[in-house]
Full PDB file with SEQRES, HELIX, SHEET, SSBOND, CRYST1, ORIGX, SCALE, CONECT and MASTER records, all heavy atoms in Angstrom:
SEQRES   1 A   28  CYS ALA GLY ASP MET SER GLY ARG LEU GLU GLY GLN CYS          
SEQRES   2 A   28  LEU GLN GLU LEU GLN ASP ILE VAL ASP GLY PHE GLU ASP          
SEQRES   3 A   28  SER ALA                                                      
HELIX    1 AA1 SER A    6  LEU A    9  1                                   4    
HELIX    2 AA2 GLN A   12  GLY A   23  1                                  12    
CRYST1    1.000    1.000    1.000  90.00  90.00  90.00 P 1           1          
ORIGX1      1.000000  0.000000  0.000000        0.00000                         
ORIGX2      0.000000  1.000000  0.000000        0.00000                         
ORIGX3      0.000000  0.000000  1.000000        0.00000                         
SCALE1      1.000000  0.000000  0.000000        0.00000                         
SCALE2      0.000000  1.000000  0.000000        0.00000                         
SCALE3      0.000000  0.000000  1.000000        0.00000                         
ATOM      1  N   CYS A   1      -2.477   3.660 -10.949  1.00  0.00           N  
ATOM      2  CA  CYS A   1      -2.444   4.954 -10.270  1.00  0.00           C  
ATOM      3  C   CYS A   1      -1.134   5.039  -9.497  1.00  0.00           C  
ATOM      4  O   CYS A   1      -0.467   4.031  -9.252  1.00  0.00           O  
ATOM      5  CB  CYS A   1      -3.637   5.124  -9.332  1.00  0.00           C  
ATOM      6  SG  CYS A   1      -3.691   3.923  -7.995  1.00  0.00           S  
ATOM      7  N   ALA A   2      -0.742   6.245  -9.142  1.00  0.00           N  
ATOM      8  CA  ALA A   2       0.492   6.454  -8.374  1.00  0.00           C  
ATOM      9  C   ALA A   2       0.259   6.087  -6.916  1.00  0.00           C  
ATOM     10  O   ALA A   2      -0.837   6.240  -6.379  1.00  0.00           O  
ATOM     11  CB  ALA A   2       0.942   7.905  -8.495  1.00  0.00           C  
ATOM     12  N   GLY A   3       1.328   5.590  -6.275  1.00  0.00           N  
ATOM     13  CA  GLY A   3       1.264   5.264  -4.855  1.00  0.00           C  
ATOM     14  C   GLY A   3       0.733   3.863  -4.605  1.00  0.00           C  
ATOM     15  O   GLY A   3       0.327   3.150  -5.526  1.00  0.00           O  
ATOM     16  N   ASP A   4       0.736   3.460  -3.347  1.00  0.00           N  
ATOM     17  CA  ASP A   4       0.223   2.157  -2.943  1.00  0.00           C  
ATOM     18  C   ASP A   4      -1.233   2.318  -2.509  1.00  0.00           C  
ATOM     19  O   ASP A   4      -1.519   2.732  -1.397  1.00  0.00           O  
ATOM     20  CB  ASP A   4       1.068   1.582  -1.803  1.00  0.00           C  
ATOM     21  CG  ASP A   4       0.607   0.187  -1.387  1.00  0.00           C  
ATOM     22  OD1 ASP A   4      -0.368  -0.321  -1.980  1.00  0.00           O  
ATOM     23  OD2 ASP A   4       1.220  -0.382  -0.466  1.00  0.00           O  
ATOM     24  N   MET A   5      -2.145   1.985  -3.425  1.00  0.00           N  
ATOM     25  CA  MET A   5      -3.573   2.093  -3.160  1.00  0.00           C  
ATOM     26  C   MET A   5      -4.222   0.719  -3.028  1.00  0.00           C  
ATOM     27  O   MET A   5      -5.444   0.583  -3.132  1.00  0.00           O  
ATOM     28  CB  MET A   5      -4.262   2.894  -4.283  1.00  0.00           C  
ATOM     29  CG  MET A   5      -3.752   4.303  -4.429  1.00  0.00           C  
ATOM     30  SD  MET A   5      -4.146   5.292  -2.967  1.00  0.00           S  
ATOM     31  CE  MET A   5      -3.274   6.826  -3.345  1.00  0.00           C  
ATOM     32  N   SER A   6      -3.414  -0.307  -2.813  1.00  0.00           N  
ATOM     33  CA  SER A   6      -3.939  -1.678  -2.768  1.00  0.00           C  
ATOM     34  C   SER A   6      -4.972  -1.847  -1.657  1.00  0.00           C  
ATOM     35  O   SER A   6      -5.953  -2.573  -1.816  1.00  0.00           O  
ATOM     36  CB  SER A   6      -2.800  -2.685  -2.604  1.00  0.00           C  
ATOM     37  OG  SER A   6      -2.006  -2.384  -1.468  1.00  0.00           O  
ATOM     38  N   GLY A   7      -4.766  -1.175  -0.529  1.00  0.00           N  
ATOM     39  CA  GLY A   7      -5.708  -1.293   0.576  1.00  0.00           C  
ATOM     40  C   GLY A   7      -7.103  -0.832   0.212  1.00  0.00           C  
ATOM     41  O   GLY A   7      -8.099  -1.391   0.694  1.00  0.00           O  
ATOM     42  N   ARG A   8      -7.198   0.183  -0.629  1.00  0.00           N  
ATOM     43  CA  ARG A   8      -8.515   0.695  -1.035  1.00  0.00           C  
ATOM     44  C   ARG A   8      -9.163  -0.178  -2.099  1.00  0.00           C  
ATOM     45  O   ARG A   8     -10.402  -0.259  -2.184  1.00  0.00           O  
ATOM     46  CB  ARG A   8      -8.386   2.124  -1.584  1.00  0.00           C  
ATOM     47  CG  ARG A   8      -7.890   3.143  -0.595  1.00  0.00           C  
ATOM     48  CD  ARG A   8      -8.053   4.531  -1.186  1.00  0.00           C  
ATOM     49  NE  ARG A   8      -7.258   5.527  -0.493  1.00  0.00           N  
ATOM     50  CZ  ARG A   8      -7.194   6.804  -0.840  1.00  0.00           C  
ATOM     51  NH1 ARG A   8      -7.876   7.231  -1.884  1.00  0.00           N  
ATOM     52  NH2 ARG A   8      -6.436   7.647  -0.164  1.00  0.00           N  
ATOM     53  N   LEU A   9      -8.335  -0.815  -2.948  1.00  0.00           N  
ATOM     54  CA  LEU A   9      -8.865  -1.539  -4.105  1.00  0.00           C  
ATOM     55  C   LEU A   9      -9.163  -3.003  -3.814  1.00  0.00           C  
ATOM     56  O   LEU A   9      -9.974  -3.618  -4.518  1.00  0.00           O  
ATOM     57  CB  LEU A   9      -7.877  -1.438  -5.276  1.00  0.00           C  
ATOM     58  CG  LEU A   9      -7.687  -0.033  -5.850  1.00  0.00           C  
ATOM     59  CD1 LEU A   9      -6.536  -0.013  -6.848  1.00  0.00           C  
ATOM     60  CD2 LEU A   9      -8.970   0.449  -6.523  1.00  0.00           C  
ATOM     61  N   GLU A  10      -8.508  -3.569  -2.807  1.00  0.00           N  
ATOM     62  CA  GLU A  10      -8.775  -4.966  -2.469  1.00  0.00           C  
ATOM     63  C   GLU A  10     -10.045  -5.056  -1.625  1.00  0.00           C  
ATOM     64  O   GLU A  10     -10.615  -4.064  -1.213  1.00  0.00           O  
ATOM     65  CB  GLU A  10      -7.562  -5.568  -1.758  1.00  0.00           C  
ATOM     66  CG  GLU A  10      -6.378  -5.770  -2.711  1.00  0.00           C  
ATOM     67  CD  GLU A  10      -5.089  -6.149  -2.000  1.00  0.00           C  
ATOM     68  OE1 GLU A  10      -5.020  -5.972  -0.756  1.00  0.00           O  
ATOM     69  OE2 GLU A  10      -4.148  -6.585  -2.689  1.00  0.00           O  
ATOM     70  N   GLY A  11     -10.518  -6.259  -1.375  1.00  0.00           N  
ATOM     71  CA  GLY A  11     -11.720  -6.431  -0.568  1.00  0.00           C  
ATOM     72  C   GLY A  11     -12.977  -6.155  -1.373  1.00  0.00           C  
ATOM     73  O   GLY A  11     -13.208  -6.747  -2.425  1.00  0.00           O  
ATOM     74  N   GLN A  12     -13.782  -5.215  -0.897  1.00  0.00           N  
ATOM     75  CA  GLN A  12     -15.089  -4.945  -1.501  1.00  0.00           C  
ATOM     76  C   GLN A  12     -14.968  -4.512  -2.960  1.00  0.00           C  
ATOM     77  O   GLN A  12     -15.704  -4.972  -3.826  1.00  0.00           O  
ATOM     78  CB  GLN A  12     -15.820  -3.869  -0.698  1.00  0.00           C  
ATOM     79  CG  GLN A  12     -17.207  -3.511  -1.239  1.00  0.00           C  
ATOM     80  CD  GLN A  12     -18.181  -4.668  -1.192  1.00  0.00           C  
ATOM     81  OE1 GLN A  12     -18.101  -5.519  -0.304  1.00  0.00           O  
ATOM     82  NE2 GLN A  12     -19.113  -4.706  -2.149  1.00  0.00           N  
ATOM     83  N   CYS A  13     -14.030  -3.596  -3.235  1.00  0.00           N  
ATOM     84  CA  CYS A  13     -13.852  -3.110  -4.606  1.00  0.00           C  
ATOM     85  C   CYS A  13     -13.488  -4.264  -5.534  1.00  0.00           C  
ATOM     86  O   CYS A  13     -14.060  -4.411  -6.619  1.00  0.00           O  
ATOM     87  CB  CYS A  13     -12.760  -2.037  -4.654  1.00  0.00           C  
ATOM     88  SG  CYS A  13     -12.377  -1.454  -6.314  1.00  0.00           S  
ATOM     89  N   LEU A  14     -12.553  -5.098  -5.127  1.00  0.00           N  
ATOM     90  CA  LEU A  14     -12.114  -6.209  -5.956  1.00  0.00           C  
ATOM     91  C   LEU A  14     -13.266  -7.167  -6.258  1.00  0.00           C  
ATOM     92  O   LEU A  14     -13.421  -7.637  -7.393  1.00  0.00           O  
ATOM     93  CB  LEU A  14     -10.980  -6.952  -5.245  1.00  0.00           C  
ATOM     94  CG  LEU A  14     -10.186  -7.964  -6.068  1.00  0.00           C  
ATOM     95  CD1 LEU A  14      -9.510  -7.297  -7.251  1.00  0.00           C  
ATOM     96  CD2 LEU A  14      -9.162  -8.664  -5.194  1.00  0.00           C  
ATOM     97  N   GLN A  15     -14.104  -7.415  -5.260  1.00  0.00           N  
ATOM     98  CA  GLN A  15     -15.255  -8.305  -5.466  1.00  0.00           C  
ATOM     99  C   GLN A  15     -16.236  -7.704  -6.463  1.00  0.00           C  
ATOM    100  O   GLN A  15     -16.785  -8.414  -7.329  1.00  0.00           O  
ATOM    101  CB  GLN A  15     -15.960  -8.574  -4.130  1.00  0.00           C  
ATOM    102  CG  GLN A  15     -17.115  -9.568  -4.241  1.00  0.00           C  
ATOM    103  CD  GLN A  15     -16.681 -10.897  -4.802  1.00  0.00           C  
ATOM    104  OE1 GLN A  15     -15.788 -11.550  -4.254  1.00  0.00           O  
ATOM    105  NE2 GLN A  15     -17.279 -11.325  -5.912  1.00  0.00           N  
ATOM    106  N   GLU A  16     -16.460  -6.404  -6.371  1.00  0.00           N  
ATOM    107  CA  GLU A  16     -17.370  -5.743  -7.314  1.00  0.00           C  
ATOM    108  C   GLU A  16     -16.825  -5.807  -8.741  1.00  0.00           C  
ATOM    109  O   GLU A  16     -17.579  -6.015  -9.697  1.00  0.00           O  
ATOM    110  CB  GLU A  16     -17.585  -4.289  -6.887  1.00  0.00           C  
ATOM    111  CG  GLU A  16     -18.390  -4.146  -5.603  1.00  0.00           C  
ATOM    112  CD  GLU A  16     -18.543  -2.690  -5.171  1.00  0.00           C  
ATOM    113  OE1 GLU A  16     -18.271  -1.799  -5.998  1.00  0.00           O  
ATOM    114  OE2 GLU A  16     -18.924  -2.455  -4.007  1.00  0.00           O  
ATOM    115  N   LEU A  17     -15.509  -5.642  -8.875  1.00  0.00           N  
ATOM    116  CA  LEU A  17     -14.901  -5.710 -10.210  1.00  0.00           C  
ATOM    117  C   LEU A  17     -15.005  -7.125 -10.783  1.00  0.00           C  
ATOM    118  O   LEU A  17     -15.284  -7.297 -11.980  1.00  0.00           O  
ATOM    119  CB  LEU A  17     -13.443  -5.268 -10.138  1.00  0.00           C  
ATOM    120  CG  LEU A  17     -13.180  -3.837  -9.683  1.00  0.00           C  
ATOM    121  CD1 LEU A  17     -11.684  -3.545  -9.674  1.00  0.00           C  
ATOM    122  CD2 LEU A  17     -13.910  -2.833 -10.573  1.00  0.00           C  
ATOM    123  N   GLN A  18     -14.783  -8.129  -9.935  1.00  0.00           N  
ATOM    124  CA  GLN A  18     -14.905  -9.519 -10.403  1.00  0.00           C  
ATOM    125  C   GLN A  18     -16.340  -9.824 -10.834  1.00  0.00           C  
ATOM    126  O   GLN A  18     -16.576 -10.521 -11.826  1.00  0.00           O  
ATOM    127  CB  GLN A  18     -14.460 -10.487  -9.318  1.00  0.00           C  
ATOM    128  CG  GLN A  18     -14.357 -11.937  -9.793  1.00  0.00           C  
ATOM    129  CD  GLN A  18     -13.280 -12.119 -10.852  1.00  0.00           C  
ATOM    130  OE1 GLN A  18     -12.118 -11.807 -10.622  1.00  0.00           O  
ATOM    131  NE2 GLN A  18     -13.678 -12.616 -12.025  1.00  0.00           N  
ATOM    132  N   ASP A  19     -17.306  -9.290 -10.106  1.00  0.00           N  
ATOM    133  CA  ASP A  19     -18.712  -9.486 -10.462  1.00  0.00           C  
ATOM    134  C   ASP A  19     -19.013  -8.880 -11.835  1.00  0.00           C  
ATOM    135  O   ASP A  19     -19.790  -9.458 -12.616  1.00  0.00           O  
ATOM    136  CB  ASP A  19     -19.625  -8.862  -9.408  1.00  0.00           C  
ATOM    137  CG  ASP A  19     -19.612  -9.626  -8.089  1.00  0.00           C  
ATOM    138  OD1 ASP A  19     -19.159 -10.790  -8.080  1.00  0.00           O  
ATOM    139  OD2 ASP A  19     -20.044  -9.042  -7.058  1.00  0.00           O  
ATOM    140  N   ILE A  20     -18.414  -7.730 -12.115  1.00  0.00           N  
ATOM    141  CA  ILE A  20     -18.608  -7.102 -13.430  1.00  0.00           C  
ATOM    142  C   ILE A  20     -18.054  -7.992 -14.533  1.00  0.00           C  
ATOM    143  O   ILE A  20     -18.694  -8.214 -15.562  1.00  0.00           O  
ATOM    144  CB  ILE A  20     -17.949  -5.706 -13.463  1.00  0.00           C  
ATOM    145  CG1 ILE A  20     -18.707  -4.729 -12.572  1.00  0.00           C  
ATOM    146  CG2 ILE A  20     -17.887  -5.169 -14.900  1.00  0.00           C  
ATOM    147  CD1 ILE A  20     -18.026  -3.379 -12.405  1.00  0.00           C  
ATOM    148  N   VAL A  21     -16.848  -8.522 -14.313  1.00  0.00           N  
ATOM    149  CA  VAL A  21     -16.230  -9.407 -15.311  1.00  0.00           C  
ATOM    150  C   VAL A  21     -17.080 -10.659 -15.519  1.00  0.00           C  
ATOM    151  O   VAL A  21     -17.377 -11.057 -16.652  1.00  0.00           O  
ATOM    152  CB  VAL A  21     -14.797  -9.804 -14.882  1.00  0.00           C  
ATOM    153  CG1 VAL A  21     -14.255 -10.933 -15.755  1.00  0.00           C  
ATOM    154  CG2 VAL A  21     -13.880  -8.598 -14.961  1.00  0.00           C  
ATOM    155  N   ASP A  22     -17.501 -11.291 -14.415  1.00  0.00           N  
ATOM    156  CA  ASP A  22     -18.266 -12.536 -14.505  1.00  0.00           C  
ATOM    157  C   ASP A  22     -19.617 -12.325 -15.177  1.00  0.00           C  
ATOM    158  O   ASP A  22     -20.121 -13.231 -15.852  1.00  0.00           O  
ATOM    159  CB  ASP A  22     -18.479 -13.132 -13.104  1.00  0.00           C  
ATOM    160  CG  ASP A  22     -17.172 -13.584 -12.466  1.00  0.00           C  
ATOM    161  OD1 ASP A  22     -16.177 -13.748 -13.204  1.00  0.00           O  
ATOM    162  OD2 ASP A  22     -17.145 -13.755 -11.225  1.00  0.00           O  
ATOM    163  N   GLY A  23     -20.192 -11.139 -14.994  1.00  0.00           N  
ATOM    164  CA  GLY A  23     -21.515 -10.877 -15.554  1.00  0.00           C  
ATOM    165  C   GLY A  23     -21.511 -10.250 -16.933  1.00  0.00           C  
ATOM    166  O   GLY A  23     -22.577 -10.055 -17.527  1.00  0.00           O  
ATOM    167  N   PHE A  24     -20.335  -9.917 -17.448  1.00  0.00           N  
ATOM    168  CA  PHE A  24     -20.253  -9.241 -18.743  1.00  0.00           C  
ATOM    169  C   PHE A  24     -20.593 -10.216 -19.867  1.00  0.00           C  
ATOM    170  O   PHE A  24     -20.133 -11.362 -19.873  1.00  0.00           O  
ATOM    171  CB  PHE A  24     -18.856  -8.671 -18.958  1.00  0.00           C  
ATOM    172  CG  PHE A  24     -18.761  -7.679 -20.080  1.00  0.00           C  
ATOM    173  CD1 PHE A  24     -19.222  -6.378 -19.914  1.00  0.00           C  
ATOM    174  CD2 PHE A  24     -18.218  -8.028 -21.311  1.00  0.00           C  
ATOM    175  CE1 PHE A  24     -19.138  -5.447 -20.938  1.00  0.00           C  
ATOM    176  CE2 PHE A  24     -18.128  -7.115 -22.333  1.00  0.00           C  
ATOM    177  CZ  PHE A  24     -18.585  -5.819 -22.154  1.00  0.00           C  
ATOM    178  N   GLU A  25     -21.376  -9.757 -20.823  1.00  0.00           N  
ATOM    179  CA  GLU A  25     -21.824 -10.631 -21.917  1.00  0.00           C  
ATOM    180  C   GLU A  25     -20.631 -11.172 -22.703  1.00  0.00           C  
ATOM    181  O   GLU A  25     -19.747 -10.420 -23.103  1.00  0.00           O  
ATOM    182  CB  GLU A  25     -22.750  -9.857 -22.861  1.00  0.00           C  
ATOM    183  CG  GLU A  25     -23.376 -10.725 -23.933  1.00  0.00           C  
ATOM    184  CD  GLU A  25     -24.352  -9.949 -24.813  1.00  0.00           C  
ATOM    185  OE1 GLU A  25     -24.506  -8.727 -24.589  1.00  0.00           O  
ATOM    186  OE2 GLU A  25     -24.947 -10.565 -25.696  1.00  0.00           O  
ATOM    187  N   ASP A  26     -20.621 -12.487 -22.908  1.00  0.00           N  
ATOM    188  CA  ASP A  26     -19.575 -13.174 -23.679  1.00  0.00           C  
ATOM    189  C   ASP A  26     -18.181 -12.981 -23.087  1.00  0.00           C  
ATOM    190  O   ASP A  26     -17.186 -13.038 -23.813  1.00  0.00           O  
ATOM    191  CB  ASP A  26     -19.567 -12.698 -25.146  1.00  0.00           C  
ATOM    192  CG  ASP A  26     -20.846 -13.062 -25.880  1.00  0.00           C  
ATOM    193  OD1 ASP A  26     -21.426 -14.105 -25.548  1.00  0.00           O  
ATOM    194  OD2 ASP A  26     -21.248 -12.309 -26.783  1.00  0.00           O  
ATOM    195  N   SER A  27     -18.088 -12.774 -21.762  1.00  0.00           N  
ATOM    196  CA  SER A  27     -16.771 -12.535 -21.169  1.00  0.00           C  
ATOM    197  C   SER A  27     -15.860 -13.757 -21.329  1.00  0.00           C  
ATOM    198  O   SER A  27     -14.643 -13.619 -21.486  1.00  0.00           O  
ATOM    199  CB  SER A  27     -16.887 -12.154 -19.699  1.00  0.00           C  
ATOM    200  OG  SER A  27     -17.426 -13.219 -18.938  1.00  0.00           O  
ATOM    201  N   ALA A  28     -16.437 -14.967 -21.291  1.00  0.00           N  
ATOM    202  CA  ALA A  28     -15.622 -16.183 -21.427  1.00  0.00           C  
ATOM    203  C   ALA A  28     -14.890 -16.196 -22.760  1.00  0.00           C  
ATOM    204  O   ALA A  28     -13.716 -16.577 -22.848  1.00  0.00           O  
ATOM    205  CB  ALA A  28     -16.494 -17.418 -21.286  1.00  0.00           C  
TER     206      ALA A  28                                                      
MASTER        0    0    0    2    0    0    0    6  205    1    0    3          
END                                                                             
């Protein structure tokens, strides 16, 4: 996305995204 949005995406959002990756079927 345009601009510096790192503050919004790090922290809680980043953890939720990692959880999606870790829980996705056959992600490994």
